[in-house]
Amino acid sequence: MDNYSLPRRIWRIFYPVLIFIGIQIFVGVGIEIVVALATIVNDTLRSTSGADISVFVNTMTRFVYDNGTFLVLVCNLFSFGVFWPIWLTMSKRLERFENSNPVSLGIAIAGFFAGFNIVQLIVFGLTDIMKFFPSYEEVSDMLSSGTVLIQVIAIGFSAPIVEEIVFRGILLNRMKWLPVWASVLIQALFFSLVHFNLLQSLYAFLAGVFLGMVYIKYRSIIIVILGHVSFNLISVILSEFLPENLAVVAFILCPFVTIGCAALLFMSPGAVKITVPEQNAPVP
């Protein structure tokens, strides 16, 4: 147990989220403004007409939709630069755990979260729920911009790595003074809010609960990153690489695979503690 006062404990939960949101907003908007200004200056020098604010806004909007995935990647790189040192320092002072048969555990976690994403897509298709959330399709289109390689790097890998470090790594370990159920729900709530889209926030909350439960049981940041990566990558794989006839088969088999992987996760033994941190050494 750390020796921090209650206000400081609460602040230590909030400020990583605020920094994360600030990076997503200010870095992304900063790039958009620079590009828009450069475009307007270039167009102004080439023509006799003056700059127009509507041109500025339209240029920014067009840049976001054409380069949304690239912006996500840049923001994630900035976030990684900020949070990786915090997590590295924290992880050195945490208790050490190990898991038996990590290979089968990795397969189970990847299968469960990939299946969870596909089940979600099936529900969306059967209920036509997306018509009530028009902004969701706009976000999806923006995140599909760029090459497949950029999508894989930005959405498939960089986002899961940064988000797991922040929400499961840093936040959950800073909430050990709370009941486990409360810490899992709080980090999942923060995780859902940073997606800035109502429909995405709904399933992100559920995914955040699952990821939090997995981290609590297996105490491995690698395991939850793997689950998050599989969740994000499956969308790229389905849209870019999987033939339509095989996609139908995957959708049919998916619920059974997901249930099987979930059962394996629940039945597998949790992590075993192998070391204890120094006494009176607070988690940073």
C-alpha atoms as a PDB file:
ATOM      1  CA  MET A   1       0.000   0.000   0.000  1.00  0.00           C
ATOM      2  CA  ASP A   2       1.365   3.432  -0.863  1.00  0.00           C
ATOM      3  CA  ASN A   3       1.551   6.298   1.605  1.00  0.00           C
ATOM      4  CA  TYR A   4      -0.066   8.944  -0.596  1.00  0.00           C
ATOM      5  CA  SER A   5      -2.953  11.042   0.652  1.00  0.00           C
ATOM      6  CA  LEU A   6      -6.408  10.455  -0.840  1.00  0.00           C
ATOM      7  CA  PRO A   7      -6.390  13.631  -3.021  1.00  0.00           C
ATOM      8  CA  ARG A   8      -2.999  12.665  -4.440  1.00  0.00           C
ATOM      9  CA  ARG A   9      -4.146   9.101  -5.109  1.00  0.00           C
ATOM     10  CA  ILE A  10      -7.107  10.455  -7.074  1.00  0.00           C
ATOM     11  CA  TRP A  11      -4.921  12.940  -8.947  1.00  0.00           C
ATOM     12  CA  ARG A  12      -2.476  10.139  -9.868  1.00  0.00           C
ATOM     13  CA  ILE A  13      -5.376   8.341 -11.548  1.00  0.00           C
ATOM     14  CA  PHE A  14      -6.675  11.385 -13.414  1.00  0.00           C
ATOM     15  CA  TYR A  15      -3.554  13.051 -14.748  1.00  0.00           C
ATOM     16  CA  PRO A  16      -2.359  10.212 -17.042  1.00  0.00           C
ATOM     17  CA  VAL A  17      -5.784  10.260 -18.703  1.00  0.00           C
ATOM     18  CA  LEU A  18      -5.671  14.045 -19.077  1.00  0.00           C
ATOM     19  CA  ILE A  19      -2.191  13.873 -20.603  1.00  0.00           C
ATOM     20  CA  PHE A  20      -3.303  11.106 -22.965  1.00  0.00           C
ATOM     21  CA  ILE A  21      -6.325  13.124 -24.131  1.00  0.00           C
ATOM     22  CA  GLY A  22      -4.226  16.293 -24.408  1.00  0.00           C
ATOM     23  CA  ILE A  23      -1.727  14.581 -26.686  1.00  0.00           C
ATOM     24  CA  GLN A  24      -4.494  13.206 -28.910  1.00  0.00           C
ATOM     25  CA  ILE A  25      -6.064  16.654 -29.236  1.00  0.00           C
ATOM     26  CA  PHE A  26      -3.152  19.079 -29.347  1.00  0.00           C
ATOM     27  CA  VAL A  27      -0.705  17.005 -31.391  1.00  0.00           C
ATOM     28  CA  GLY A  28      -3.354  16.060 -33.932  1.00  0.00           C
ATOM     29  CA  VAL A  29      -4.833  19.550 -34.163  1.00  0.00           C
ATOM     30  CA  GLY A  30      -1.343  21.085 -34.296  1.00  0.00           C
ATOM     31  CA  ILE A  31      -0.413  18.995 -37.321  1.00  0.00           C
ATOM     32  CA  GLU A  32      -3.716  19.844 -38.995  1.00  0.00           C
ATOM     33  CA  ILE A  33      -3.191  23.598 -38.449  1.00  0.00           C
ATOM     34  CA  VAL A  34       0.359  23.521 -39.796  1.00  0.00           C
ATOM     35  CA  VAL A  35      -0.704  21.616 -42.906  1.00  0.00           C
ATOM     36  CA  ALA A  36      -3.722  23.879 -43.474  1.00  0.00           C
ATOM     37  CA  LEU A  37      -1.653  27.064 -43.076  1.00  0.00           C
ATOM     38  CA  ALA A  38       1.038  25.747 -45.414  1.00  0.00           C
ATOM     39  CA  THR A  39      -1.586  24.881 -48.016  1.00  0.00           C
ATOM     40  CA  ILE A  40      -3.271  28.289 -47.772  1.00  0.00           C
ATOM     41  CA  VAL A  41       0.044  30.153 -47.982  1.00  0.00           C
ATOM     42  CA  ASN A  42       0.992  28.138 -51.032  1.00  0.00           C
ATOM     43  CA  ASP A  43      -2.379  28.745 -52.691  1.00  0.00           C
ATOM     44  CA  THR A  44      -2.259  32.460 -51.814  1.00  0.00           C
ATOM     45  CA  LEU A  45       1.167  32.890 -53.365  1.00  0.00           C
ATOM     46  CA  ARG A  46      -0.053  31.229 -56.543  1.00  0.00           C
ATOM     47  CA  SER A  47      -3.222  33.321 -56.885  1.00  0.00           C
ATOM     48  CA  THR A  48      -4.271  36.923 -56.537  1.00  0.00           C
ATOM     49  CA  SER A  49      -7.154  36.147 -54.183  1.00  0.00           C
ATOM     50  CA  GLY A  50      -6.638  36.438 -50.449  1.00  0.00           C
ATOM     51  CA  ALA A  51      -6.886  33.707 -47.864  1.00  0.00           C
ATOM     52  CA  ASP A  52     -10.363  32.584 -46.843  1.00  0.00           C
ATOM     53  CA  ILE A  53     -11.245  31.077 -43.446  1.00  0.00           C
ATOM     54  CA  SER A  54     -13.538  28.574 -45.158  1.00  0.00           C
ATOM     55  CA  VAL A  55     -10.569  27.355 -47.194  1.00  0.00           C
ATOM     56  CA  PHE A  56      -8.633  26.905 -43.954  1.00  0.00           C
ATOM     57  CA  VAL A  57     -11.402  24.835 -42.348  1.00  0.00           C
ATOM     58  CA  ASN A  58     -11.982  22.751 -45.461  1.00  0.00           C
ATOM     59  CA  THR A  59      -8.264  22.070 -45.796  1.00  0.00           C
ATOM     60  CA  MET A  60      -8.038  20.874 -42.195  1.00  0.00           C
ATOM     61  CA  THR A  61     -11.118  18.674 -42.580  1.00  0.00           C
ATOM     62  CA  ARG A  62      -9.860  17.137 -45.813  1.00  0.00           C
ATOM     63  CA  PHE A  63      -6.451  16.464 -44.282  1.00  0.00           C
ATOM     64  CA  VAL A  64      -8.008  14.648 -41.294  1.00  0.00           C
ATOM     65  CA  TYR A  65     -10.122  12.386 -43.481  1.00  0.00           C
ATOM     66  CA  ASP A  66      -7.265  11.654 -45.874  1.00  0.00           C
ATOM     67  CA  ASN A  67      -4.621  11.119 -43.179  1.00  0.00           C
ATOM     68  CA  GLY A  68      -6.527  10.021 -40.085  1.00  0.00           C
ATOM     69  CA  THR A  69      -4.486   6.853 -39.593  1.00  0.00           C
ATOM     70  CA  PHE A  70      -1.227   8.778 -39.915  1.00  0.00           C
ATOM     71  CA  LEU A  71      -2.396  11.253 -37.256  1.00  0.00           C
ATOM     72  CA  VAL A  72      -3.245   8.362 -34.942  1.00  0.00           C
ATOM     73  CA  LEU A  73       0.253   6.968 -35.412  1.00  0.00           C
ATOM     74  CA  VAL A  74       1.946  10.292 -34.652  1.00  0.00           C
ATOM     75  CA  CYS A  75      -0.164  10.831 -31.517  1.00  0.00           C
ATOM     76  CA  ASN A  76       0.618   7.296 -30.350  1.00  0.00           C
ATOM     77  CA  LEU A  77       4.338   7.880 -30.815  1.00  0.00           C
ATOM     78  CA  PHE A  78       4.135  11.039 -28.699  1.00  0.00           C
ATOM     79  CA  SER A  79       2.115   9.173 -26.063  1.00  0.00           C
ATOM     80  CA  PHE A  80       4.595   6.321 -26.002  1.00  0.00           C
ATOM     81  CA  GLY A  81       7.443   8.776 -25.447  1.00  0.00           C
ATOM     82  CA  VAL A  82       5.600  10.211 -22.436  1.00  0.00           C
ATOM     83  CA  PHE A  83       4.224   7.061 -20.795  1.00  0.00           C
ATOM     84  CA  TRP A  84       6.895   4.459 -21.488  1.00  0.00           C
ATOM     85  CA  PRO A  85       9.364   5.985 -18.960  1.00  0.00           C
ATOM     86  CA  ILE A  86       6.578   6.136 -16.347  1.00  0.00           C
ATOM     87  CA  TRP A  87       5.649   2.503 -16.931  1.00  0.00           C
ATOM     88  CA  LEU A  88       9.299   1.386 -17.011  1.00  0.00           C
ATOM     89  CA  THR A  89       9.950   2.995 -13.631  1.00  0.00           C
ATOM     90  CA  MET A  90       6.717   1.618 -12.193  1.00  0.00           C
ATOM     91  CA  SER A  91       7.226  -1.938 -13.463  1.00  0.00           C
ATOM     92  CA  LYS A  92      10.607  -2.192 -11.720  1.00  0.00           C
ATOM     93  CA  ARG A  93       8.874  -1.715  -8.357  1.00  0.00           C
ATOM     94  CA  LEU A  94       5.953  -4.047  -8.932  1.00  0.00           C
ATOM     95  CA  GLU A  95       5.673  -7.620  -7.730  1.00  0.00           C
ATOM     96  CA  ARG A  96       6.893 -10.167 -10.270  1.00  0.00           C
ATOM     97  CA  PHE A  97       4.539 -12.839 -11.589  1.00  0.00           C
ATOM     98  CA  GLU A  98       4.818 -15.723 -14.015  1.00  0.00           C
ATOM     99  CA  ASN A  99       2.201 -17.731 -15.901  1.00  0.00           C
ATOM    100  CA  SER A 100       2.208 -21.422 -16.652  1.00  0.00           C
ATOM    101  CA  ASN A 101       2.001 -22.350 -20.342  1.00  0.00           C
ATOM    102  CA  PRO A 102       2.111 -18.768 -21.693  1.00  0.00           C
ATOM    103  CA  VAL A 103       1.875 -19.991 -25.312  1.00  0.00           C
ATOM    104  CA  SER A 104      -1.603 -21.503 -24.911  1.00  0.00           C
ATOM    105  CA  LEU A 105      -2.583 -18.480 -22.847  1.00  0.00           C
ATOM    106  CA  GLY A 106      -1.464 -16.165 -25.656  1.00  0.00           C
ATOM    107  CA  ILE A 107      -3.451 -18.172 -28.217  1.00  0.00           C
ATOM    108  CA  ALA A 108      -6.527 -18.069 -25.987  1.00  0.00           C
ATOM    109  CA  ILE A 109      -6.327 -14.327 -25.379  1.00  0.00           C
ATOM    110  CA  ALA A 110      -5.766 -13.571 -29.067  1.00  0.00           C
ATOM    111  CA  GLY A 111      -8.626 -15.859 -30.096  1.00  0.00           C
ATOM    112  CA  PHE A 112     -11.020 -14.414 -27.545  1.00  0.00           C
ATOM    113  CA  PHE A 113     -10.490 -10.754 -28.423  1.00  0.00           C
ATOM    114  CA  ALA A 114     -10.427 -11.385 -32.179  1.00  0.00           C
ATOM    115  CA  GLY A 115     -13.674 -13.316 -31.771  1.00  0.00           C
ATOM    116  CA  PHE A 116     -15.119 -10.602 -29.547  1.00  0.00           C
ATOM    117  CA  ASN A 117     -14.561  -8.066 -32.330  1.00  0.00           C
ATOM    118  CA  ILE A 118     -16.155 -10.319 -34.944  1.00  0.00           C
ATOM    119  CA  VAL A 119     -19.165 -11.014 -32.714  1.00  0.00           C
ATOM    120  CA  GLN A 120     -19.534  -7.276 -32.292  1.00  0.00           C
ATOM    121  CA  LEU A 121     -19.495  -6.834 -36.095  1.00  0.00           C
ATOM    122  CA  ILE A 122     -22.136  -9.557 -36.424  1.00  0.00           C
ATOM    123  CA  VAL A 123     -24.363  -7.775 -33.904  1.00  0.00           C
ATOM    124  CA  PHE A 124     -23.887  -4.497 -35.771  1.00  0.00           C
ATOM    125  CA  GLY A 125     -24.879  -6.191 -39.028  1.00  0.00           C
ATOM    126  CA  LEU A 126     -27.926  -7.965 -37.638  1.00  0.00           C
ATOM    127  CA  THR A 127     -29.304  -4.982 -35.723  1.00  0.00           C
ATOM    128  CA  ASP A 128     -28.306  -2.197 -38.121  1.00  0.00           C
ATOM    129  CA  ILE A 129     -27.420  -0.226 -34.999  1.00  0.00           C
ATOM    130  CA  MET A 130     -24.885   1.922 -36.836  1.00  0.00           C
ATOM    131  CA  LYS A 131     -27.657   3.941 -38.497  1.00  0.00           C
ATOM    132  CA  PHE A 132     -28.260   5.533 -35.091  1.00  0.00           C
ATOM    133  CA  PHE A 133     -24.589   6.550 -34.843  1.00  0.00           C
ATOM    134  CA  PRO A 134     -23.676   8.280 -38.127  1.00  0.00           C
ATOM    135  CA  SER A 135     -20.470   9.662 -36.637  1.00  0.00           C
ATOM    136  CA  TYR A 136     -19.210   6.099 -36.130  1.00  0.00           C
ATOM    137  CA  GLU A 137     -19.030   5.479 -39.872  1.00  0.00           C
ATOM    138  CA  GLU A 138     -17.161   8.750 -40.343  1.00  0.00           C
ATOM    139  CA  VAL A 139     -14.599   7.701 -37.739  1.00  0.00           C
ATOM    140  CA  SER A 140     -14.294   4.258 -39.338  1.00  0.00           C
ATOM    141  CA  ASP A 141     -13.690   5.810 -42.752  1.00  0.00           C
ATOM    142  CA  MET A 142     -11.078   8.154 -41.290  1.00  0.00           C
ATOM    143  CA  LEU A 143      -9.253   5.254 -39.607  1.00  0.00           C
ATOM    144  CA  SER A 144      -9.286   3.327 -42.886  1.00  0.00           C
ATOM    145  CA  SER A 145      -7.302   6.041 -44.665  1.00  0.00           C
ATOM    146  CA  GLY A 146      -3.750   5.384 -45.747  1.00  0.00           C
ATOM    147  CA  THR A 147      -2.097   2.174 -46.830  1.00  0.00           C
ATOM    148  CA  VAL A 148      -2.723  -1.190 -45.197  1.00  0.00           C
ATOM    149  CA  LEU A 149       0.779  -1.042 -43.710  1.00  0.00           C
ATOM    150  CA  ILE A 150       0.017   2.264 -41.975  1.00  0.00           C
ATOM    151  CA  GLN A 151      -3.284   0.852 -40.677  1.00  0.00           C
ATOM    152  CA  VAL A 152      -1.539  -2.223 -39.280  1.00  0.00           C
ATOM    153  CA  ILE A 153       1.179  -0.179 -37.580  1.00  0.00           C
ATOM    154  CA  ALA A 154      -1.053   2.620 -36.265  1.00  0.00           C
ATOM    155  CA  ILE A 155      -4.290   0.806 -35.396  1.00  0.00           C
ATOM    156  CA  GLY A 156      -3.028  -2.744 -35.030  1.00  0.00           C
ATOM    157  CA  PHE A 157       0.080  -2.176 -32.933  1.00  0.00           C
ATOM    158  CA  SER A 158       0.860   1.360 -31.765  1.00  0.00           C
ATOM    159  CA  ALA A 159      -2.609   2.061 -30.323  1.00  0.00           C
ATOM    160  CA  PRO A 160      -2.827  -1.197 -28.306  1.00  0.00           C
ATOM    161  CA  ILE A 161       0.692  -0.816 -26.936  1.00  0.00           C
ATOM    162  CA  VAL A 162       0.167   2.760 -25.735  1.00  0.00           C
ATOM    163  CA  GLU A 163      -3.379   2.243 -24.451  1.00  0.00           C
ATOM    164  CA  GLU A 164      -2.496  -0.905 -22.499  1.00  0.00           C
ATOM    165  CA  ILE A 165       0.492   0.803 -20.883  1.00  0.00           C
ATOM    166  CA  VAL A 166      -1.721   3.719 -19.810  1.00  0.00           C
ATOM    167  CA  PHE A 167      -4.988   2.048 -18.817  1.00  0.00           C
ATOM    168  CA  ARG A 168      -4.097  -1.480 -17.698  1.00  0.00           C
ATOM    169  CA  GLY A 169      -0.464  -0.883 -16.772  1.00  0.00           C
ATOM    170  CA  ILE A 170      -0.366   2.501 -15.064  1.00  0.00           C
ATOM    171  CA  LEU A 171      -3.966   3.115 -13.989  1.00  0.00           C
ATOM    172  CA  LEU A 172      -4.765  -0.349 -12.621  1.00  0.00           C
ATOM    173  CA  ASN A 173      -1.545  -0.494 -10.635  1.00  0.00           C
ATOM    174  CA  ARG A 174      -2.237   2.960  -9.190  1.00  0.00           C
ATOM    175  CA  MET A 175      -5.678   1.845  -8.013  1.00  0.00           C
ATOM    176  CA  LYS A 176      -4.609  -1.037  -5.782  1.00  0.00           C
ATOM    177  CA  TRP A 177      -6.066   0.865  -2.830  1.00  0.00           C
ATOM    178  CA  LEU A 178      -9.518   0.387  -4.350  1.00  0.00           C
ATOM    179  CA  PRO A 179     -11.534  -2.848  -4.536  1.00  0.00           C
ATOM    180  CA  VAL A 180     -10.617  -4.820  -7.655  1.00  0.00           C
ATOM    181  CA  TRP A 181     -14.077  -4.484  -9.193  1.00  0.00           C
ATOM    182  CA  ALA A 182     -13.958  -0.690  -8.768  1.00  0.00           C
ATOM    183  CA  SER A 183     -10.500  -0.322 -10.305  1.00  0.00           C
ATOM    184  CA  VAL A 184     -11.486  -2.475 -13.295  1.00  0.00           C
ATOM    185  CA  LEU A 185     -14.658  -0.448 -13.930  1.00  0.00           C
ATOM    186  CA  ILE A 186     -12.928   2.932 -13.482  1.00  0.00           C
ATOM    187  CA  GLN A 187     -10.097   2.194 -15.913  1.00  0.00           C
ATOM    188  CA  ALA A 188     -12.616   0.765 -18.399  1.00  0.00           C
ATOM    189  CA  LEU A 189     -14.695   3.946 -18.121  1.00  0.00           C
ATOM    190  CA  PHE A 190     -11.669   6.145 -18.804  1.00  0.00           C
ATOM    191  CA  PHE A 191     -10.674   3.852 -21.664  1.00  0.00           C
ATOM    192  CA  SER A 192     -14.116   4.221 -23.247  1.00  0.00           C
ATOM    193  CA  LEU A 193     -14.224   8.007 -22.863  1.00  0.00           C
ATOM    194  CA  VAL A 194     -10.956   8.611 -24.743  1.00  0.00           C
ATOM    195  CA  HIS A 195     -12.471   7.118 -27.913  1.00  0.00           C
ATOM    196  CA  PHE A 196     -14.607  10.261 -28.402  1.00  0.00           C
ATOM    197  CA  ASN A 197     -17.430   8.362 -30.137  1.00  0.00           C
ATOM    198  CA  LEU A 198     -20.558   7.054 -28.427  1.00  0.00           C
ATOM    199  CA  LEU A 199     -20.859   3.674 -30.156  1.00  0.00           C
ATOM    200  CA  GLN A 200     -17.123   3.068 -30.015  1.00  0.00           C
ATOM    201  CA  SER A 201     -17.128   4.059 -26.345  1.00  0.00           C
ATOM    202  CA  LEU A 202     -19.831   1.486 -25.567  1.00  0.00           C
ATOM    203  CA  TYR A 203     -17.911  -1.509 -26.855  1.00  0.00           C
ATOM    204  CA  ALA A 204     -14.589  -0.029 -25.718  1.00  0.00           C
ATOM    205  CA  PHE A 205     -15.957  -0.035 -22.154  1.00  0.00           C
ATOM    206  CA  LEU A 206     -16.821  -3.725 -22.420  1.00  0.00           C
ATOM    207  CA  ALA A 207     -13.434  -4.503 -23.965  1.00  0.00           C
ATOM    208  CA  GLY A 208     -11.769  -2.458 -21.213  1.00  0.00           C
ATOM    209  CA  VAL A 209     -13.530  -4.528 -18.544  1.00  0.00           C
ATOM    210  CA  PHE A 210     -12.362  -7.775 -20.178  1.00  0.00           C
ATOM    211  CA  LEU A 211      -8.807  -6.486 -20.586  1.00  0.00           C
ATOM    212  CA  GLY A 212      -8.751  -5.277 -16.993  1.00  0.00           C
ATOM    213  CA  MET A 213      -9.943  -8.663 -15.715  1.00  0.00           C
ATOM    214  CA  VAL A 214      -7.301 -10.438 -17.807  1.00  0.00           C
ATOM    215  CA  TYR A 215      -4.560  -8.171 -16.468  1.00  0.00           C
ATOM    216  CA  ILE A 216      -5.679  -8.653 -12.861  1.00  0.00           C
ATOM    217  CA  LYS A 217      -5.653 -12.444 -13.276  1.00  0.00           C
ATOM    218  CA  TYR A 218      -2.462 -12.886 -15.289  1.00  0.00           C
ATOM    219  CA  ARG A 219      -0.495  -9.741 -14.304  1.00  0.00           C
ATOM    220  CA  SER A 220       1.167  -9.439 -17.702  1.00  0.00           C
ATOM    221  CA  ILE A 221       1.159  -6.302 -19.822  1.00  0.00           C
ATOM    222  CA  ILE A 222       2.288  -8.417 -22.785  1.00  0.00           C
ATOM    223  CA  ILE A 223      -0.809 -10.607 -22.514  1.00  0.00           C
ATOM    224  CA  VAL A 224      -3.266  -7.689 -22.583  1.00  0.00           C
ATOM    225  CA  ILE A 225      -1.339  -5.991 -25.405  1.00  0.00           C
ATOM    226  CA  LEU A 226      -1.647  -9.219 -27.400  1.00  0.00           C
ATOM    227  CA  GLY A 227      -5.391  -9.325 -26.772  1.00  0.00           C
ATOM    228  CA  HIS A 228      -5.801  -5.686 -27.781  1.00  0.00           C
ATOM    229  CA  VAL A 229      -3.668  -6.160 -30.898  1.00  0.00           C
ATOM    230  CA  SER A 230      -5.783  -9.122 -32.011  1.00  0.00           C
ATOM    231  CA  PHE A 231      -8.973  -7.106 -31.425  1.00  0.00           C
ATOM    232  CA  ASN A 232      -7.747  -4.199 -33.573  1.00  0.00           C
ATOM    233  CA  LEU A 233      -6.034  -6.230 -36.283  1.00  0.00           C
ATOM    234  CA  ILE A 234      -9.032  -8.414 -37.043  1.00  0.00           C
ATOM    235  CA  SER A 235     -10.889  -5.456 -38.561  1.00  0.00           C
ATOM    236  CA  VAL A 236      -8.000  -4.748 -40.959  1.00  0.00           C
ATOM    237  CA  ILE A 237      -7.660  -8.432 -41.812  1.00  0.00           C
ATOM    238  CA  LEU A 238     -11.361  -8.888 -42.529  1.00  0.00           C
ATOM    239  CA  SER A 239     -11.592  -5.803 -44.722  1.00  0.00           C
ATOM    240  CA  GLU A 240      -8.328  -6.176 -46.622  1.00  0.00           C
ATOM    241  CA  PHE A 241      -7.229  -9.806 -46.765  1.00  0.00           C
ATOM    242  CA  LEU A 242     -10.071 -12.242 -46.097  1.00  0.00           C
ATOM    243  CA  PRO A 243     -12.120 -13.305 -49.180  1.00  0.00           C
ATOM    244  CA  GLU A 244     -15.856 -12.804 -48.827  1.00  0.00           C
ATOM    245  CA  ASN A 245     -16.682 -16.523 -48.884  1.00  0.00           C
ATOM    246  CA  LEU A 246     -14.171 -17.250 -46.114  1.00  0.00           C
ATOM    247  CA  ALA A 247     -15.431 -14.266 -44.138  1.00  0.00           C
ATOM    248  CA  VAL A 248     -18.889 -15.903 -43.988  1.00  0.00           C
ATOM    249  CA  VAL A 249     -17.345 -19.102 -42.615  1.00  0.00           C
ATOM    250  CA  ALA A 250     -15.346 -17.084 -40.086  1.00  0.00           C
ATOM    251  CA  PHE A 251     -18.489 -15.312 -38.914  1.00  0.00           C
ATOM    252  CA  ILE A 252     -20.289 -18.652 -38.442  1.00  0.00           C
ATOM    253  CA  LEU A 253     -17.449 -20.280 -36.502  1.00  0.00           C
ATOM    254  CA  CYS A 254     -16.512 -17.180 -34.552  1.00  0.00           C
ATOM    255  CA  PRO A 255     -19.017 -17.439 -31.628  1.00  0.00           C
ATOM    256  CA  PHE A 256     -17.896 -20.998 -30.897  1.00  0.00           C
ATOM    257  CA  VAL A 257     -14.202 -20.083 -31.031  1.00  0.00           C
ATOM    258  CA  THR A 258     -14.823 -17.059 -28.793  1.00  0.00           C
ATOM    259  CA  ILE A 259     -16.693 -19.119 -26.189  1.00  0.00           C
ATOM    260  CA  GLY A 260     -13.977 -21.784 -26.245  1.00  0.00           C
ATOM    261  CA  CYS A 261     -11.191 -19.244 -25.775  1.00  0.00           C
ATOM    262  CA  ALA A 262     -13.152 -17.498 -23.011  1.00  0.00           C
ATOM    263  CA  ALA A 263     -13.601 -20.818 -21.197  1.00  0.00           C
ATOM    264  CA  LEU A 264      -9.868 -21.511 -21.488  1.00  0.00           C
ATOM    265  CA  LEU A 265      -9.064 -18.078 -20.057  1.00  0.00           C
ATOM    266  CA  PHE A 266     -11.362 -18.574 -17.080  1.00  0.00           C
ATOM    267  CA  MET A 267     -10.185 -22.140 -16.394  1.00  0.00           C
ATOM    268  CA  SER A 268      -6.458 -21.426 -16.718  1.00  0.00           C
ATOM    269  CA  PRO A 269      -4.635 -20.811 -13.441  1.00  0.00           C
ATOM    270  CA  GLY A 270      -3.747 -17.211 -12.733  1.00  0.00           C
ATOM    271  CA  ALA A 271      -0.280 -15.765 -12.436  1.00  0.00           C
ATOM    272  CA  VAL A 272       1.932 -16.897  -9.568  1.00  0.00           C
ATOM    273  CA  LYS A 273       3.875 -14.324  -7.570  1.00  0.00           C
ATOM    274  CA  ILE A 274       7.623 -14.937  -7.723  1.00  0.00           C
ATOM    275  CA  THR A 275       9.098 -11.783  -6.163  1.00  0.00           C
ATOM    276  CA  VAL A 276       7.990  -9.080  -3.762  1.00  0.00           C
ATOM    277  CA  PRO A 277       8.955  -5.384  -4.196  1.00  0.00           C
ATOM    278  CA  GLU A 278      11.039  -3.584  -1.623  1.00  0.00           C
ATOM    279  CA  GLN A 279       9.185  -2.602   1.522  1.00  0.00           C
ATOM    280  CA  ASN A 280       8.067   1.033   1.771  1.00  0.00           C
ATOM    281  CA  ALA A 281       8.839   1.573  -1.922  1.00  0.00           C
ATOM    282  CA  PRO A 282       5.705   3.283  -3.290  1.00  0.00           C
ATOM    283  CA  VAL A 283       4.568   2.569  -6.807  1.00  0.00           C
ATOM    284  CA  PRO A 284       5.441   5.706  -8.841  1.00  0.00           C
END
